[in-house]
Amino acid sequence: MAGVKQAVTFQVQDDAVKMLKAAAEKYSLEDESKALRVILDYVIEDGDWDEIFDQIRCIRCGGRPGWSGDEAS
Protein backbone atom coordinates (compact mmCIF):
# COMPACT_ATOMS: atom_id res chain seq x y z
CA MET A 1 0.00 0.00 0.00
CA ALA A 2 1.97 2.98 -1.29
CA GLY A 3 1.09 6.31 0.22
CA VAL A 4 -1.56 7.32 2.70
CA LYS A 5 -5.06 7.12 1.28
CA GLN A 6 -7.94 9.37 2.18
CA ALA A 7 -11.54 8.25 1.89
CA VAL A 8 -13.57 10.62 -0.30
CA THR A 9 -16.96 10.53 -1.96
CA PHE A 10 -17.46 11.15 -5.69
CA GLN A 11 -20.62 11.17 -7.72
CA VAL A 12 -20.32 9.33 -11.02
CA GLN A 13 -22.78 7.71 -13.36
CA ASP A 14 -23.62 4.02 -13.06
CA ASP A 15 -21.76 3.16 -16.26
CA ALA A 16 -18.55 4.70 -14.84
CA VAL A 17 -18.82 2.46 -11.79
CA LYS A 18 -19.31 -0.55 -14.08
CA MET A 19 -16.24 0.51 -16.09
CA LEU A 20 -14.10 0.74 -12.93
CA LYS A 21 -15.32 -2.68 -11.76
CA ALA A 22 -14.60 -4.19 -15.19
CA ALA A 23 -11.09 -2.69 -15.19
CA ALA A 24 -10.43 -4.03 -11.69
CA GLU A 25 -11.52 -7.52 -12.76
CA LYS A 26 -9.67 -7.49 -16.08
CA TYR A 27 -6.37 -6.33 -14.56
CA SER A 28 -6.67 -8.21 -11.23
CA LEU A 29 -6.84 -5.04 -9.15
CA GLU A 30 -8.13 -5.18 -5.60
CA ASP A 31 -11.28 -3.15 -6.36
CA GLU A 32 -12.75 -0.25 -8.33
CA SER A 33 -11.08 2.22 -5.97
CA LYS A 34 -7.68 0.91 -7.09
CA ALA A 35 -8.80 1.17 -10.73
CA LEU A 36 -9.62 4.84 -10.16
CA ARG A 37 -6.24 5.43 -8.49
CA VAL A 38 -4.51 3.88 -11.52
CA ILE A 39 -6.41 6.28 -13.80
CA LEU A 40 -5.51 9.25 -11.59
CA ASP A 41 -1.84 8.22 -11.55
CA TYR A 42 -1.92 8.07 -15.35
CA VAL A 43 -3.40 11.57 -15.54
CA ILE A 44 -0.76 12.87 -13.11
CA GLU A 45 2.22 11.20 -14.78
CA ASP A 46 1.40 10.81 -18.47
CA GLY A 47 -1.77 12.70 -19.20
CA ASP A 48 -1.85 15.88 -21.26
CA TRP A 49 -4.07 18.01 -19.05
CA ASP A 50 -5.05 20.33 -21.89
CA GLU A 51 -6.07 17.35 -24.03
CA ILE A 52 -7.97 15.79 -21.12
CA PHE A 53 -9.73 18.82 -19.65
CA ASP A 54 -10.07 21.30 -22.54
CA GLN A 55 -11.95 18.92 -24.85
CA ILE A 56 -15.65 18.55 -24.14
CA ARG A 57 -16.72 14.91 -24.21
CA CYS A 58 -20.34 13.95 -23.90
CA ILE A 59 -20.65 10.19 -23.99
CA ARG A 60 -24.18 10.34 -22.53
CA CYS A 61 -25.73 13.13 -24.67
CA GLY A 62 -28.47 12.49 -27.18
CA GLY A 63 -29.58 9.24 -25.61
CA ARG A 64 -26.14 7.64 -25.74
CA PRO A 65 -25.71 5.08 -22.94
CA GLY A 66 -22.18 6.00 -21.84
CA TRP A 67 -19.64 3.22 -21.28
CA SER A 68 -20.96 -0.07 -22.62
CA GLY A 69 -18.14 -2.51 -21.96
CA ASP A 70 -17.30 -2.91 -25.63
CA GLU A 71 -14.43 -0.49 -25.13
CA ALA A 72 -12.63 -2.96 -22.84
CA SER A 73 -12.06 -5.53 -25.57
PDB file of N, CA and C in Angstrom:
ATOM      1  N   MET A   1       0.856  -1.171   0.000  1.00  0.00           N
ATOM      2  CA  MET A   1       0.000   0.000   0.000  1.00  0.00           C
ATOM      3  C   MET A   1       0.898   1.228   0.000  1.00  0.00           C
ATOM      4  N   ALA A   2       1.109   1.816  -1.164  1.00  0.00           N
ATOM      5  CA  ALA A   2       1.968   2.979  -1.293  1.00  0.00           C
ATOM      6  C   ALA A   2       1.194   4.250  -0.996  1.00  0.00           C
ATOM      7  N   GLY A   3       1.708   5.033  -0.091  1.00  0.00           N
ATOM      8  CA  GLY A   3       1.086   6.314   0.220  1.00  0.00           C
ATOM      9  C   GLY A   3      -0.121   6.185   1.114  1.00  0.00           C
ATOM     10  N   VAL A   4      -0.394   7.262   1.827  1.00  0.00           N
ATOM     11  CA  VAL A   4      -1.561   7.321   2.703  1.00  0.00           C
ATOM     12  C   VAL A   4      -2.776   7.645   1.856  1.00  0.00           C
ATOM     13  N   LYS A   5      -3.834   6.906   2.044  1.00  0.00           N
ATOM     14  CA  LYS A   5      -5.058   7.121   1.280  1.00  0.00           C
ATOM     15  C   LYS A   5      -6.095   7.827   2.150  1.00  0.00           C
ATOM     16  N   GLN A   6      -6.886   8.646   1.505  1.00  0.00           N
ATOM     17  CA  GLN A   6      -7.942   9.372   2.181  1.00  0.00           C
ATOM     18  C   GLN A   6      -9.270   8.961   1.569  1.00  0.00           C
ATOM     19  N   ALA A   7     -10.215   8.612   2.391  1.00  0.00           N
ATOM     20  CA  ALA A   7     -11.544   8.253   1.889  1.00  0.00           C
ATOM     21  C   ALA A   7     -12.272   9.522   1.458  1.00  0.00           C
ATOM     22  N   VAL A   8     -12.802   9.497   0.228  1.00  0.00           N
ATOM     23  CA  VAL A   8     -13.572  10.617  -0.301  1.00  0.00           C
ATOM     24  C   VAL A   8     -14.799  10.063  -1.011  1.00  0.00           C
ATOM     25  N   THR A   9     -15.747  10.929  -1.264  1.00  0.00           N
ATOM     26  CA  THR A   9     -16.956  10.534  -1.963  1.00  0.00           C
ATOM     27  C   THR A   9     -17.028  11.292  -3.280  1.00  0.00           C
ATOM     28  N   PHE A  10     -17.273  10.560  -4.375  1.00  0.00           N
ATOM     29  CA  PHE A  10     -17.458  11.155  -5.687  1.00  0.00           C
ATOM     30  C   PHE A  10     -18.801  10.713  -6.232  1.00  0.00           C
ATOM     31  N   GLN A  11     -19.401  11.548  -7.039  1.00  0.00           N
ATOM     32  CA  GLN A  11     -20.625  11.172  -7.723  1.00  0.00           C
ATOM     33  C   GLN A  11     -20.283  10.916  -9.182  1.00  0.00           C
ATOM     34  N   VAL A  12     -20.530   9.707  -9.627  1.00  0.00           N
ATOM     35  CA  VAL A  12     -20.322   9.328 -11.023  1.00  0.00           C
ATOM     36  C   VAL A  12     -21.525   8.530 -11.489  1.00  0.00           C
ATOM     37  N   GLN A  13     -21.673   8.455 -12.803  1.00  0.00           N
ATOM     38  CA  GLN A  13     -22.778   7.705 -13.363  1.00  0.00           C
ATOM     39  C   GLN A  13     -22.550   6.206 -13.176  1.00  0.00           C
ATOM     40  N   ASP A  14     -23.659   5.464 -13.251  1.00  0.00           N
ATOM     41  CA  ASP A  14     -23.620   4.015 -13.057  1.00  0.00           C
ATOM     42  C   ASP A  14     -22.667   3.326 -14.031  1.00  0.00           C
ATOM     43  N   ASP A  15     -22.632   3.803 -15.289  1.00  0.00           N
ATOM     44  CA  ASP A  15     -21.758   3.160 -16.264  1.00  0.00           C
ATOM     45  C   ASP A  15     -20.281   3.356 -15.914  1.00  0.00           C
ATOM     46  N   ALA A  16     -19.939   4.469 -15.261  1.00  0.00           N
ATOM     47  CA  ALA A  16     -18.553   4.703 -14.845  1.00  0.00           C
ATOM     48  C   ALA A  16     -18.155   3.726 -13.735  1.00  0.00           C
ATOM     49  N   VAL A  17     -19.084   3.453 -12.844  1.00  0.00           N
ATOM     50  CA  VAL A  17     -18.822   2.464 -11.788  1.00  0.00           C
ATOM     51  C   VAL A  17     -18.616   1.084 -12.415  1.00  0.00           C
ATOM     52  N   LYS A  18     -19.459   0.740 -13.389  1.00  0.00           N
ATOM     53  CA  LYS A  18     -19.311  -0.546 -14.077  1.00  0.00           C
ATOM     54  C   LYS A  18     -17.964  -0.628 -14.786  1.00  0.00           C
ATOM     55  N   MET A  19     -17.528   0.473 -15.399  1.00  0.00           N
ATOM     56  CA  MET A  19     -16.240   0.507 -16.090  1.00  0.00           C
ATOM     57  C   MET A  19     -15.101   0.271 -15.099  1.00  0.00           C
ATOM     58  N   LEU A  20     -15.143   0.924 -13.938  1.00  0.00           N
ATOM     59  CA  LEU A  20     -14.097   0.741 -12.927  1.00  0.00           C
ATOM     60  C   LEU A  20     -14.077  -0.703 -12.424  1.00  0.00           C
ATOM     61  N   LYS A  21     -15.250  -1.278 -12.200  1.00  0.00           N
ATOM     62  CA  LYS A  21     -15.320  -2.679 -11.761  1.00  0.00           C
ATOM     63  C   LYS A  21     -14.756  -3.614 -12.828  1.00  0.00           C
ATOM     64  N   ALA A  22     -15.100  -3.355 -14.094  1.00  0.00           N
ATOM     65  CA  ALA A  22     -14.596  -4.187 -15.190  1.00  0.00           C
ATOM     66  C   ALA A  22     -13.073  -4.075 -15.297  1.00  0.00           C
ATOM     67  N   ALA A  23     -12.539  -2.879 -15.140  1.00  0.00           N
ATOM     68  CA  ALA A  23     -11.085  -2.688 -15.193  1.00  0.00           C
ATOM     69  C   ALA A  23     -10.409  -3.424 -14.041  1.00  0.00           C
ATOM     70  N   ALA A  24     -11.000  -3.344 -12.858  1.00  0.00           N
ATOM     71  CA  ALA A  24     -10.433  -4.030 -11.692  1.00  0.00           C
ATOM     72  C   ALA A  24     -10.402  -5.541 -11.924  1.00  0.00           C
ATOM     73  N   GLU A  25     -11.471  -6.084 -12.481  1.00  0.00           N
ATOM     74  CA  GLU A  25     -11.520  -7.523 -12.757  1.00  0.00           C
ATOM     75  C   GLU A  25     -10.528  -7.912 -13.850  1.00  0.00           C
ATOM     76  N   LYS A  26     -10.518  -7.159 -14.945  1.00  0.00           N
ATOM     77  CA  LYS A  26      -9.668  -7.491 -16.084  1.00  0.00           C
ATOM     78  C   LYS A  26      -8.185  -7.465 -15.730  1.00  0.00           C
ATOM     79  N   TYR A  27      -7.789  -6.504 -14.877  1.00  0.00           N
ATOM     80  CA  TYR A  27      -6.373  -6.330 -14.556  1.00  0.00           C
ATOM     81  C   TYR A  27      -6.013  -6.811 -13.153  1.00  0.00           C
ATOM     82  N   SER A  28      -6.897  -7.602 -12.553  1.00  0.00           N
ATOM     83  CA  SER A  28      -6.671  -8.209 -11.234  1.00  0.00           C
ATOM     84  C   SER A  28      -6.287  -7.169 -10.175  1.00  0.00           C
ATOM     85  N   LEU A  29      -7.031  -6.072 -10.162  1.00  0.00           N
ATOM     86  CA  LEU A  29      -6.837  -5.036  -9.151  1.00  0.00           C
ATOM     87  C   LEU A  29      -7.716  -5.369  -7.953  1.00  0.00           C
ATOM     88  N   GLU A  30      -7.385  -4.821  -6.817  1.00  0.00           N
ATOM     89  CA  GLU A  30      -8.125  -5.176  -5.605  1.00  0.00           C
ATOM     90  C   GLU A  30      -9.592  -4.750  -5.642  1.00  0.00           C
ATOM     91  N   ASP A  31      -9.899  -3.622  -6.279  1.00  0.00           N
ATOM     92  CA  ASP A  31     -11.280  -3.149  -6.358  1.00  0.00           C
ATOM     93  C   ASP A  31     -11.361  -1.946  -7.295  1.00  0.00           C
ATOM     94  N   GLU A  32     -12.575  -1.391  -7.442  1.00  0.00           N
ATOM     95  CA  GLU A  32     -12.746  -0.248  -8.329  1.00  0.00           C
ATOM     96  C   GLU A  32     -12.040   1.004  -7.815  1.00  0.00           C
ATOM     97  N   SER A  33     -11.829   1.095  -6.520  1.00  0.00           N
ATOM     98  CA  SER A  33     -11.077   2.218  -5.969  1.00  0.00           C
ATOM     99  C   SER A  33      -9.638   2.210  -6.478  1.00  0.00           C
ATOM    100  N   LYS A  34      -9.037   1.033  -6.549  1.00  0.00           N
ATOM    101  CA  LYS A  34      -7.684   0.906  -7.091  1.00  0.00           C
ATOM    102  C   LYS A  34      -7.683   1.253  -8.576  1.00  0.00           C
ATOM    103  N   ALA A  35      -8.708   0.840  -9.305  1.00  0.00           N
ATOM    104  CA  ALA A  35      -8.795   1.174 -10.727  1.00  0.00           C
ATOM    105  C   ALA A  35      -8.824   2.691 -10.920  1.00  0.00           C
ATOM    106  N   LEU A  36      -9.570   3.386 -10.082  1.00  0.00           N
ATOM    107  CA  LEU A  36      -9.616   4.844 -10.164  1.00  0.00           C
ATOM    108  C   LEU A  36      -8.260   5.457  -9.834  1.00  0.00           C
ATOM    109  N   ARG A  37      -7.570   4.907  -8.832  1.00  0.00           N
ATOM    110  CA  ARG A  37      -6.237   5.429  -8.492  1.00  0.00           C
ATOM    111  C   ARG A  37      -5.250   5.235  -9.635  1.00  0.00           C
ATOM    112  N   VAL A  38      -5.370   4.116 -10.361  1.00  0.00           N
ATOM    113  CA  VAL A  38      -4.508   3.885 -11.524  1.00  0.00           C
ATOM    114  C   VAL A  38      -4.784   4.953 -12.581  1.00  0.00           C
ATOM    115  N   ILE A  39      -6.051   5.248 -12.824  1.00  0.00           N
ATOM    116  CA  ILE A  39      -6.408   6.285 -13.797  1.00  0.00           C
ATOM    117  C   ILE A  39      -5.863   7.637 -13.357  1.00  0.00           C
ATOM    118  N   LEU A  40      -6.017   7.967 -12.090  1.00  0.00           N
ATOM    119  CA  LEU A  40      -5.513   9.248 -11.587  1.00  0.00           C
ATOM    120  C   LEU A  40      -3.995   9.329 -11.702  1.00  0.00           C
ATOM    121  N   ASP A  41      -3.300   8.230 -11.404  1.00  0.00           N
ATOM    122  CA  ASP A  41      -1.839   8.219 -11.548  1.00  0.00           C
ATOM    123  C   ASP A  41      -1.437   8.445 -13.001  1.00  0.00           C
ATOM    124  N   TYR A  42      -2.190   7.855 -13.925  1.00  0.00           N
ATOM    125  CA  TYR A  42      -1.916   8.073 -15.347  1.00  0.00           C
ATOM    126  C   TYR A  42      -2.077   9.555 -15.701  1.00  0.00           C
ATOM    127  N   VAL A  43      -3.162  10.152 -15.248  1.00  0.00           N
ATOM    128  CA  VAL A  43      -3.403  11.567 -15.535  1.00  0.00           C
ATOM    129  C   VAL A  43      -2.275  12.422 -14.966  1.00  0.00           C
ATOM    130  N   ILE A  44      -1.839  12.105 -13.756  1.00  0.00           N
ATOM    131  CA  ILE A  44      -0.765  12.871 -13.114  1.00  0.00           C
ATOM    132  C   ILE A  44       0.550  12.711 -13.861  1.00  0.00           C
ATOM    133  N   GLU A  45       0.904  11.490 -14.210  1.00  0.00           N
ATOM    134  CA  GLU A  45       2.217  11.201 -14.781  1.00  0.00           C
ATOM    135  C   GLU A  45       2.300  11.384 -16.291  1.00  0.00           C
ATOM    136  N   ASP A  46       1.305  10.894 -17.011  1.00  0.00           N
ATOM    137  CA  ASP A  46       1.402  10.810 -18.468  1.00  0.00           C
ATOM    138  C   ASP A  46       0.331  11.582 -19.222  1.00  0.00           C
ATOM    139  N   GLY A  47      -0.673  12.040 -18.523  1.00  0.00           N
ATOM    140  CA  GLY A  47      -1.774  12.701 -19.204  1.00  0.00           C
ATOM    141  C   GLY A  47      -1.432  14.119 -19.625  1.00  0.00           C
ATOM    142  N   ASP A  48      -1.948  14.501 -20.782  1.00  0.00           N
ATOM    143  CA  ASP A  48      -1.849  15.875 -21.261  1.00  0.00           C
ATOM    144  C   ASP A  48      -3.093  16.589 -20.744  1.00  0.00           C
ATOM    145  N   TRP A  49      -2.926  17.398 -19.709  1.00  0.00           N
ATOM    146  CA  TRP A  49      -4.073  18.006 -19.051  1.00  0.00           C
ATOM    147  C   TRP A  49      -4.914  18.840 -20.001  1.00  0.00           C
ATOM    148  N   ASP A  50      -4.280  19.548 -20.930  1.00  0.00           N
ATOM    149  CA  ASP A  50      -5.053  20.326 -21.892  1.00  0.00           C
ATOM    150  C   ASP A  50      -5.903  19.404 -22.763  1.00  0.00           C
ATOM    151  N   GLU A  51      -5.319  18.304 -23.205  1.00  0.00           N
ATOM    152  CA  GLU A  51      -6.071  17.353 -24.025  1.00  0.00           C
ATOM    153  C   GLU A  51      -7.213  16.730 -23.223  1.00  0.00           C
ATOM    154  N   ILE A  52      -6.962  16.441 -21.960  1.00  0.00           N
ATOM    155  CA  ILE A  52      -7.974  15.789 -21.118  1.00  0.00           C
ATOM    156  C   ILE A  52      -9.094  16.746 -20.726  1.00  0.00           C
ATOM    157  N   PHE A  53      -8.731  17.947 -20.262  1.00  0.00           N
ATOM    158  CA  PHE A  53      -9.732  18.824 -19.652  1.00  0.00           C
ATOM    159  C   PHE A  53     -10.273  19.923 -20.573  1.00  0.00           C
ATOM    160  N   ASP A  54      -9.572  20.256 -21.655  1.00  0.00           N
ATOM    161  CA  ASP A  54     -10.074  21.299 -22.543  1.00  0.00           C
ATOM    162  C   ASP A  54     -11.078  20.774 -23.560  1.00  0.00           C
ATOM    163  N   GLN A  55     -11.032  19.488 -23.869  1.00  0.00           N
ATOM    164  CA  GLN A  55     -11.948  18.918 -24.847  1.00  0.00           C
ATOM    165  C   GLN A  55     -13.236  18.496 -24.154  1.00  0.00           C
ATOM    166  N   ILE A  56     -14.348  18.936 -24.697  1.00  0.00           N
ATOM    167  CA  ILE A  56     -15.650  18.549 -24.138  1.00  0.00           C
ATOM    168  C   ILE A  56     -16.026  17.187 -24.703  1.00  0.00           C
ATOM    169  N   ARG A  57     -16.297  16.253 -23.814  1.00  0.00           N
ATOM    170  CA  ARG A  57     -16.724  14.913 -24.212  1.00  0.00           C
ATOM    171  C   ARG A  57     -18.102  14.677 -23.610  1.00  0.00           C
ATOM    172  N   CYS A  58     -18.999  14.226 -24.409  1.00  0.00           N
ATOM    173  CA  CYS A  58     -20.336  13.953 -23.899  1.00  0.00           C
ATOM    174  C   CYS A  58     -20.743  12.557 -24.363  1.00  0.00           C
ATOM    175  N   ILE A  59     -20.363  11.567 -23.586  1.00  0.00           N
ATOM    176  CA  ILE A  59     -20.655  10.192 -23.986  1.00  0.00           C
ATOM    177  C   ILE A  59     -22.064   9.768 -23.587  1.00  0.00           C
ATOM    178  N   ARG A  60     -22.815  10.667 -22.945  1.00  0.00           N
ATOM    179  CA  ARG A  60     -24.177  10.344 -22.534  1.00  0.00           C
ATOM    180  C   ARG A  60     -25.220  11.251 -23.179  1.00  0.00           C
ATOM    181  N   CYS A  61     -24.799  12.189 -24.017  1.00  0.00           N
ATOM    182  CA  CYS A  61     -25.728  13.130 -24.668  1.00  0.00           C
ATOM    183  C   CYS A  61     -26.511  12.449 -25.778  1.00  0.00           C
ATOM    184  N   GLY A  62     -27.670  12.980 -26.059  1.00  0.00           N
ATOM    185  CA  GLY A  62     -28.470  12.488 -27.178  1.00  0.00           C
ATOM    186  C   GLY A  62     -28.904  11.052 -27.041  1.00  0.00           C
ATOM    187  N   GLY A  63     -29.114  10.597 -25.827  1.00  0.00           N
ATOM    188  CA  GLY A  63     -29.582   9.239 -25.607  1.00  0.00           C
ATOM    189  C   GLY A  63     -28.496   8.183 -25.633  1.00  0.00           C
ATOM    190  N   ARG A  64     -27.237   8.607 -25.743  1.00  0.00           N
ATOM    191  CA  ARG A  64     -26.140   7.640 -25.736  1.00  0.00           C
ATOM    192  C   ARG A  64     -26.018   7.041 -24.340  1.00  0.00           C
ATOM    193  N   PRO A  65     -25.686   5.761 -24.235  1.00  0.00           N
ATOM    194  CA  PRO A  65     -25.707   5.075 -22.943  1.00  0.00           C
ATOM    195  C   PRO A  65     -24.460   5.261 -22.082  1.00  0.00           C
ATOM    196  N   GLY A  66     -23.419   5.905 -22.591  1.00  0.00           N
ATOM    197  CA  GLY A  66     -22.178   5.997 -21.836  1.00  0.00           C
ATOM    198  C   GLY A  66     -21.314   4.782 -22.099  1.00  0.00           C
ATOM    199  N   TRP A  67     -20.536   4.367 -21.122  1.00  0.00           N
ATOM    200  CA  TRP A  67     -19.640   3.221 -21.275  1.00  0.00           C
ATOM    201  C   TRP A  67     -20.462   1.950 -21.384  1.00  0.00           C
ATOM    202  N   SER A  68     -20.160   1.126 -22.396  1.00  0.00           N
ATOM    203  CA  SER A  68     -20.964  -0.072 -22.616  1.00  0.00           C
ATOM    204  C   SER A  68     -20.232  -1.363 -22.313  1.00  0.00           C
ATOM    205  N   GLY A  69     -18.918  -1.301 -22.172  1.00  0.00           N
ATOM    206  CA  GLY A  69     -18.140  -2.509 -21.958  1.00  0.00           C
ATOM    207  C   GLY A  69     -17.439  -2.965 -23.212  1.00  0.00           C
ATOM    208  N   ASP A  70     -17.944  -2.537 -24.376  1.00  0.00           N
ATOM    209  CA  ASP A  70     -17.303  -2.911 -25.634  1.00  0.00           C
ATOM    210  C   ASP A  70     -15.911  -2.305 -25.746  1.00  0.00           C
ATOM    211  N   GLU A  71     -15.695  -1.183 -25.071  1.00  0.00           N
ATOM    212  CA  GLU A  71     -14.429  -0.486 -25.132  1.00  0.00           C
ATOM    213  C   GLU A  71     -13.297  -1.283 -24.489  1.00  0.00           C
ATOM    214  N   ALA A  72     -13.626  -2.200 -23.604  1.00  0.00           N
ATOM    215  CA  ALA A  72     -12.630  -2.960 -22.839  1.00  0.00           C
ATOM    216  C   ALA A  72     -12.020  -4.101 -23.634  1.00  0.00           C
ATOM    217  N   SER A  73     -12.548  -4.381 -24.784  1.00  0.00           N
ATOM    218  CA  SER A  73     -12.062  -5.527 -25.568  1.00  0.00           C
ATOM    219  C   SER A  73     -10.686  -5.308 -26.117  1.00  0.00           C
TER     220      SER A  73
END
